[in-house]
Every structure is written in structure tokens, then in C-alpha cells.
Amino acid sequence: MKTISKALASLVACATLFAAPAANAQSWIMSGVSEASSGVEGGGGRAQSMGRAQTRMRIGADLAVDESPEDVFGAAVLVAVEPRTAFGIDARYTRIVRERFAFSGGVVGYLQPGSLVGPVAAFEYRHPIAKSFVLTAGPELDVFVVGTDLPDRTVLWQALFHVGMRVSF
């Protein structure tokens, strides 16, 4: 009787193991990002009063996990084209609060020809055009607190408005 109950228990265990659905691993959701922005800037030193901010392109990628697609991590290259040329990077965390609205925060830094580094905060409206194509627009605030281009005891800031697109892969 003992061997029959052991065999039956083994049979039930095997049946349960093979009847269970296969486990799926988490998968990444990746998007390409391209944005153009400009606005106003101010602070001290060379920018005693408010003036026009650099026009810049932000080109990068965002990653999220399929189990929590509202939490997005991204990085991008910044290319300022006028009135002066500069190159930099930014990294940010974005939280999608509704299907069409997102808030983000992170760090932004221009690295060439001098350096300016500080926090960034942004709001974004997302207008879907197709399943994997979204138009974006919204304000952004950059505050530069350290760097070789920063005058002594001064904080520089930029209030920008960006328009762009996201393409999901």
C-alpha cells in the first residue's frame, strides 16, 4: 500500500509539473526618442538676464520592463546647434501617469566645449499616431549647478519646450 501511495503521489507530481504553463521571462520594451527643443535661459555671469536658450536635439532610447511599462529609464545624446554649439548627455527616469501624460527627472550634462551638469525635470504629453509611433510635446527645466562653464557662485537654468517623437521597437 505504501508503494502504491508513493507511486500515485509521484504520478500526481509529474502531471502537475507537465500541466503547468511554461514560465515566461520578463521582456524589455524599447523605444527610440528624437526631440527638438528651445526656450529661455538665465542665471548669472555671462547670462546676467534672461535670453534665448540653445536650440538642441535630443536623440536616445528608453527601456521599460513589460511587467511595469509605466516605469521607463532612458538615456540620450544632446546636440545643441545654435546660437552656440555644445554636446552632452542626459539620463532620466520617466513615470507614465496616464496613457498620454508622463513626468520625468534625471541628470543633464553638456560636456563639450565646457561642462555644465545638473538636474532636469520634464512633463510630456504623448499623442499616439499608430501602435508604435507617438508624437510628444512638453516643457522641461534644466538647472546647471556644477561645471567648468559655470561662473562662481552661480546657477544657470534653461526653461525649454520640446516637440518630438517616440518609436517603439
C-alpha atoms as a PDB file:
ATOM      1  CA  MET A   1       0.000   0.000   0.000  1.00  0.00           C
ATOM      2  CA  LYS A   2       2.900   2.323   0.758  1.00  0.00           C
ATOM      3  CA  THR A   3       4.433   1.822  -2.672  1.00  0.00           C
ATOM      4  CA  ILE A   4       1.089   2.457  -4.389  1.00  0.00           C
ATOM      5  CA  SER A   5       0.608   5.753  -2.494  1.00  0.00           C
ATOM      6  CA  LYS A   6       4.209   6.781  -3.335  1.00  0.00           C
ATOM      7  CA  ALA A   7       3.678   5.921  -6.999  1.00  0.00           C
ATOM      8  CA  LEU A   8       0.375   7.799  -7.033  1.00  0.00           C
ATOM      9  CA  ALA A   9       1.967  10.857  -5.379  1.00  0.00           C
ATOM     10  CA  SER A  10       4.818  10.758  -7.924  1.00  0.00           C
ATOM     11  CA  LEU A  11       2.340  10.476 -10.779  1.00  0.00           C
ATOM     12  CA  VAL A  12       0.336  13.469  -9.481  1.00  0.00           C
ATOM     13  CA  ALA A  13       3.543  15.492  -9.057  1.00  0.00           C
ATOM     14  CA  CYS A  14       4.655  14.716 -12.625  1.00  0.00           C
ATOM     15  CA  ALA A  15       1.213  15.504 -14.028  1.00  0.00           C
ATOM     16  CA  THR A  16       1.169  18.835 -12.175  1.00  0.00           C
ATOM     17  CA  LEU A  17       4.656  19.700 -13.418  1.00  0.00           C
ATOM     18  CA  PHE A  18       3.851  18.983 -17.063  1.00  0.00           C
ATOM     19  CA  ALA A  19       0.356  20.512 -16.945  1.00  0.00           C
ATOM     20  CA  ALA A  20       1.632  23.849 -15.576  1.00  0.00           C
ATOM     21  CA  PRO A  21       2.065  26.597 -18.185  1.00  0.00           C
ATOM     22  CA  ALA A  22       5.604  27.495 -19.159  1.00  0.00           C
ATOM     23  CA  ALA A  23       7.087  30.414 -17.245  1.00  0.00           C
ATOM     24  CA  ASN A  24       7.768  33.490 -19.316  1.00  0.00           C
ATOM     25  CA  ALA A  25      10.733  35.699 -18.578  1.00  0.00           C
ATOM     26  CA  GLN A  26      10.393  39.438 -18.425  1.00  0.00           C
ATOM     27  CA  SER A  27      10.903  41.150 -21.733  1.00  0.00           C
ATOM     28  CA  TRP A  28      12.199  44.626 -22.476  1.00  0.00           C
ATOM     29  CA  ILE A  29      10.150  47.318 -24.181  1.00  0.00           C
ATOM     30  CA  MET A  30      12.483  49.614 -26.124  1.00  0.00           C
ATOM     31  CA  SER A  31      11.711  52.951 -27.786  1.00  0.00           C
ATOM     32  CA  GLY A  32      13.758  55.339 -29.872  1.00  0.00           C
ATOM     33  CA  VAL A  33      13.403  59.024 -28.974  1.00  0.00           C
ATOM     34  CA  SER A  34      14.055  62.141 -31.041  1.00  0.00           C
ATOM     35  CA  GLU A  35      13.196  65.643 -29.788  1.00  0.00           C
ATOM     36  CA  ALA A  36      13.953  69.249 -30.724  1.00  0.00           C
ATOM     37  CA  SER A  37      13.758  71.955 -28.069  1.00  0.00           C
ATOM     38  CA  SER A  38      14.429  75.598 -27.363  1.00  0.00           C
ATOM     39  CA  GLY A  39      13.300  78.227 -24.889  1.00  0.00           C
ATOM     40  CA  VAL A  40      14.781  80.739 -22.479  1.00  0.00           C
ATOM     41  CA  GLU A  41      17.759  80.644 -20.113  1.00  0.00           C
ATOM     42  CA  GLY A  42      19.086  82.790 -17.331  1.00  0.00           C
ATOM     43  CA  GLY A  43      21.366  82.908 -14.361  1.00  0.00           C
ATOM     44  CA  GLY A  44      24.495  84.869 -13.604  1.00  0.00           C
ATOM     45  CA  GLY A  45      27.869  85.551 -15.133  1.00  0.00           C
ATOM     46  CA  ARG A  46      27.622  85.508 -18.918  1.00  0.00           C
ATOM     47  CA  ALA A  47      23.837  85.291 -18.728  1.00  0.00           C
ATOM     48  CA  GLN A  48      23.012  88.198 -16.388  1.00  0.00           C
ATOM     49  CA  SER A  49      19.493  88.448 -17.765  1.00  0.00           C
ATOM     50  CA  MET A  50      17.083  86.128 -19.451  1.00  0.00           C
ATOM     51  CA  GLY A  51      17.841  85.250 -23.057  1.00  0.00           C
ATOM     52  CA  ARG A  52      17.105  82.655 -25.717  1.00  0.00           C
ATOM     53  CA  ALA A  53      18.321  79.153 -24.859  1.00  0.00           C
ATOM     54  CA  GLN A  54      20.206  76.891 -27.213  1.00  0.00           C
ATOM     55  CA  THR A  55      18.233  75.057 -29.846  1.00  0.00           C
ATOM     56  CA  ARG A  56      19.055  71.406 -29.345  1.00  0.00           C
ATOM     57  CA  MET A  57      18.318  67.869 -30.482  1.00  0.00           C
ATOM     58  CA  ARG A  58      17.895  65.003 -28.028  1.00  0.00           C
ATOM     59  CA  ILE A  59      18.390  61.562 -29.572  1.00  0.00           C
ATOM     60  CA  GLY A  60      18.219  58.461 -27.400  1.00  0.00           C
ATOM     61  CA  ALA A  61      16.495  55.318 -26.246  1.00  0.00           C
ATOM     62  CA  ASP A  62      14.076  54.337 -23.473  1.00  0.00           C
ATOM     63  CA  LEU A  63      13.760  50.951 -21.774  1.00  0.00           C
ATOM     64  CA  ALA A  64      10.929  49.511 -19.693  1.00  0.00           C
ATOM     65  CA  VAL A  65      10.011  46.036 -18.462  1.00  0.00           C
ATOM     66  CA  ASP A  66       6.733  44.589 -19.773  1.00  0.00           C
ATOM     67  CA  GLU A  67       5.502  43.920 -16.216  1.00  0.00           C
ATOM     68  CA  SER A  68       5.624  47.652 -15.351  1.00  0.00           C
ATOM     69  CA  PRO A  69       5.638  49.649 -18.599  1.00  0.00           C
ATOM     70  CA  GLU A  70       4.823  52.851 -16.725  1.00  0.00           C
ATOM     71  CA  ASP A  71       8.387  52.935 -15.280  1.00  0.00           C
ATOM     72  CA  VAL A  72      10.754  53.982 -18.071  1.00  0.00           C
ATOM     73  CA  PHE A  73      14.522  54.513 -17.950  1.00  0.00           C
ATOM     74  CA  GLY A  74      16.206  56.469 -20.715  1.00  0.00           C
ATOM     75  CA  ALA A  75      19.464  57.949 -21.930  1.00  0.00           C
ATOM     76  CA  ALA A  76      20.163  60.339 -24.777  1.00  0.00           C
ATOM     77  CA  VAL A  77      22.794  62.338 -26.593  1.00  0.00           C
ATOM     78  CA  LEU A  78      22.290  66.110 -26.709  1.00  0.00           C
ATOM     79  CA  VAL A  79      23.441  68.229 -29.635  1.00  0.00           C
ATOM     80  CA  ALA A  80      22.961  71.989 -29.279  1.00  0.00           C
ATOM     81  CA  VAL A  81      23.188  73.669 -32.669  1.00  0.00           C
ATOM     82  CA  GLU A  82      22.732  77.387 -32.138  1.00  0.00           C
ATOM     83  CA  PRO A  83      23.450  80.092 -31.005  1.00  0.00           C
ATOM     84  CA  ARG A  84      26.466  78.124 -29.772  1.00  0.00           C
ATOM     85  CA  THR A  85      27.406  74.501 -30.381  1.00  0.00           C
ATOM     86  CA  ALA A  86      27.594  72.035 -27.499  1.00  0.00           C
ATOM     87  CA  PHE A  87      27.427  68.265 -26.964  1.00  0.00           C
ATOM     88  CA  GLY A  88      26.166  66.388 -23.945  1.00  0.00           C
ATOM     89  CA  ILE A  89      24.162  63.526 -22.482  1.00  0.00           C
ATOM     90  CA  ASP A  90      21.198  63.046 -20.231  1.00  0.00           C
ATOM     91  CA  ALA A  91      19.768  60.154 -18.230  1.00  0.00           C
ATOM     92  CA  ARG A  92      16.312  60.146 -16.765  1.00  0.00           C
ATOM     93  CA  TYR A  93      13.529  58.167 -15.142  1.00  0.00           C
ATOM     94  CA  THR A  94      10.072  58.683 -16.621  1.00  0.00           C
ATOM     95  CA  ARG A  95       6.805  57.789 -14.950  1.00  0.00           C
ATOM     96  CA  ILE A  96       3.782  57.473 -17.234  1.00  0.00           C
ATOM     97  CA  VAL A  97       0.842  58.594 -15.090  1.00  0.00           C
ATOM     98  CA  ARG A  98      -1.877  58.196 -17.692  1.00  0.00           C
ATOM     99  CA  GLU A  99      -1.767  56.806 -21.196  1.00  0.00           C
ATOM    100  CA  ARG A 100      -0.937  60.248 -22.623  1.00  0.00           C
ATOM    101  CA  PHE A 101       0.916  62.006 -19.782  1.00  0.00           C
ATOM    102  CA  ALA A 102       4.393  61.453 -18.351  1.00  0.00           C
ATOM    103  CA  PHE A 103       6.715  63.132 -15.841  1.00  0.00           C
ATOM    104  CA  SER A 104      10.465  62.652 -15.846  1.00  0.00           C
ATOM    105  CA  GLY A 105      13.501  63.610 -13.805  1.00  0.00           C
ATOM    106  CA  GLY A 106      17.190  62.924 -14.006  1.00  0.00           C
ATOM    107  CA  VAL A 107      20.523  64.484 -14.795  1.00  0.00           C
ATOM    108  CA  VAL A 108      21.609  66.520 -17.814  1.00  0.00           C
ATOM    109  CA  GLY A 109      25.126  67.499 -18.753  1.00  0.00           C
ATOM    110  CA  TYR A 110      26.876  69.356 -21.523  1.00  0.00           C
ATOM    111  CA  LEU A 111      30.405  68.025 -21.863  1.00  0.00           C
ATOM    112  CA  GLN A 112      31.913  69.973 -24.792  1.00  0.00           C
ATOM    113  CA  PRO A 113      33.234  72.663 -25.272  1.00  0.00           C
ATOM    114  CA  GLY A 114      32.974  73.177 -21.480  1.00  0.00           C
ATOM    115  CA  SER A 115      30.948  71.332 -18.895  1.00  0.00           C
ATOM    116  CA  LEU A 116      27.617  72.085 -17.232  1.00  0.00           C
ATOM    117  CA  VAL A 117      25.838  69.434 -15.148  1.00  0.00           C
ATOM    118  CA  GLY A 118      22.644  69.441 -13.126  1.00  0.00           C
ATOM    119  CA  PRO A 119      19.146  68.078 -12.604  1.00  0.00           C
ATOM    120  CA  VAL A 120      16.387  68.001 -15.226  1.00  0.00           C
ATOM    121  CA  ALA A 121      12.611  67.800 -14.758  1.00  0.00           C
ATOM    122  CA  ALA A 122      10.079  67.494 -17.583  1.00  0.00           C
ATOM    123  CA  PHE A 123       6.412  66.953 -18.370  1.00  0.00           C
ATOM    124  CA  GLU A 124       5.305  65.310 -21.582  1.00  0.00           C
ATOM    125  CA  TYR A 125       2.047  64.978 -23.479  1.00  0.00           C
ATOM    126  CA  ARG A 126       2.028  61.873 -25.724  1.00  0.00           C
ATOM    127  CA  HIS A 127      -0.272  61.751 -28.740  1.00  0.00           C
ATOM    128  CA  PRO A 128      -0.416  58.278 -30.336  1.00  0.00           C
ATOM    129  CA  ILE A 129      -0.435  58.229 -34.147  1.00  0.00           C
ATOM    130  CA  ALA A 130      -0.024  54.465 -34.597  1.00  0.00           C
ATOM    131  CA  LYS A 131       0.534  51.497 -32.283  1.00  0.00           C
ATOM    132  CA  SER A 132       4.294  52.063 -32.168  1.00  0.00           C
ATOM    133  CA  PHE A 133       4.542  55.779 -33.115  1.00  0.00           C
ATOM    134  CA  VAL A 134       3.848  58.642 -30.693  1.00  0.00           C
ATOM    135  CA  LEU A 135       4.237  62.422 -31.046  1.00  0.00           C
ATOM    136  CA  THR A 136       5.408  64.204 -27.886  1.00  0.00           C
ATOM    137  CA  ALA A 137       5.462  67.783 -26.602  1.00  0.00           C
ATOM    138  CA  GLY A 138       6.010  69.489 -23.278  1.00  0.00           C
ATOM    139  CA  PRO A 139       8.044  71.762 -21.024  1.00  0.00           C
ATOM    140  CA  GLU A 140      11.416  70.948 -19.480  1.00  0.00           C
ATOM    141  CA  LEU A 141      13.514  72.681 -16.818  1.00  0.00           C
ATOM    142  CA  ASP A 142      17.314  72.208 -16.683  1.00  0.00           C
ATOM    143  CA  VAL A 143      19.326  73.650 -13.783  1.00  0.00           C
ATOM    144  CA  PHE A 144      23.130  73.604 -14.023  1.00  0.00           C
ATOM    145  CA  VAL A 145      24.834  73.548 -10.628  1.00  0.00           C
ATOM    146  CA  VAL A 146      28.383  72.366 -11.430  1.00  0.00           C
ATOM    147  CA  GLY A 147      30.770  72.642 -14.354  1.00  0.00           C
ATOM    148  CA  THR A 148      33.697  74.489 -15.893  1.00  0.00           C
ATOM    149  CA  ASP A 149      31.380  76.875 -17.787  1.00  0.00           C
ATOM    150  CA  LEU A 150      29.586  77.846 -14.577  1.00  0.00           C
ATOM    151  CA  PRO A 151      30.553  81.257 -13.147  1.00  0.00           C
ATOM    152  CA  ASP A 152      31.476  81.312  -9.440  1.00  0.00           C
ATOM    153  CA  ARG A 153      28.524  81.031  -7.054  1.00  0.00           C
ATOM    154  CA  THR A 154      26.025  80.991  -9.895  1.00  0.00           C
ATOM    155  CA  VAL A 155      23.308  78.661 -11.045  1.00  0.00           C
ATOM    156  CA  LEU A 156      22.300  78.657 -14.709  1.00  0.00           C
ATOM    157  CA  TRP A 157      18.874  77.446 -15.814  1.00  0.00           C
ATOM    158  CA  GLN A 158      17.013  76.694 -19.014  1.00  0.00           C
ATOM    159  CA  ALA A 159      13.237  76.542 -19.450  1.00  0.00           C
ATOM    160  CA  LEU A 160      12.652  74.648 -22.694  1.00  0.00           C
ATOM    161  CA  PHE A 161       9.712  73.441 -24.730  1.00  0.00           C
ATOM    162  CA  HIS A 162      10.288  70.259 -26.707  1.00  0.00           C
ATOM    163  CA  VAL A 163       8.485  68.533 -29.562  1.00  0.00           C
ATOM    164  CA  GLY A 164       9.443  65.105 -30.805  1.00  0.00           C
ATOM    165  CA  MET A 165       8.542  61.522 -31.480  1.00  0.00           C
ATOM    166  CA  ARG A 166       8.890  58.052 -29.987  1.00  0.00           C
ATOM    167  CA  VAL A 167       9.054  54.848 -31.964  1.00  0.00           C
ATOM    168  CA  SER A 168       8.584  51.541 -30.146  1.00  0.00           C
ATOM    169  CA  PHE A 169      10.606  48.549 -31.347  1.00  0.00           C
END
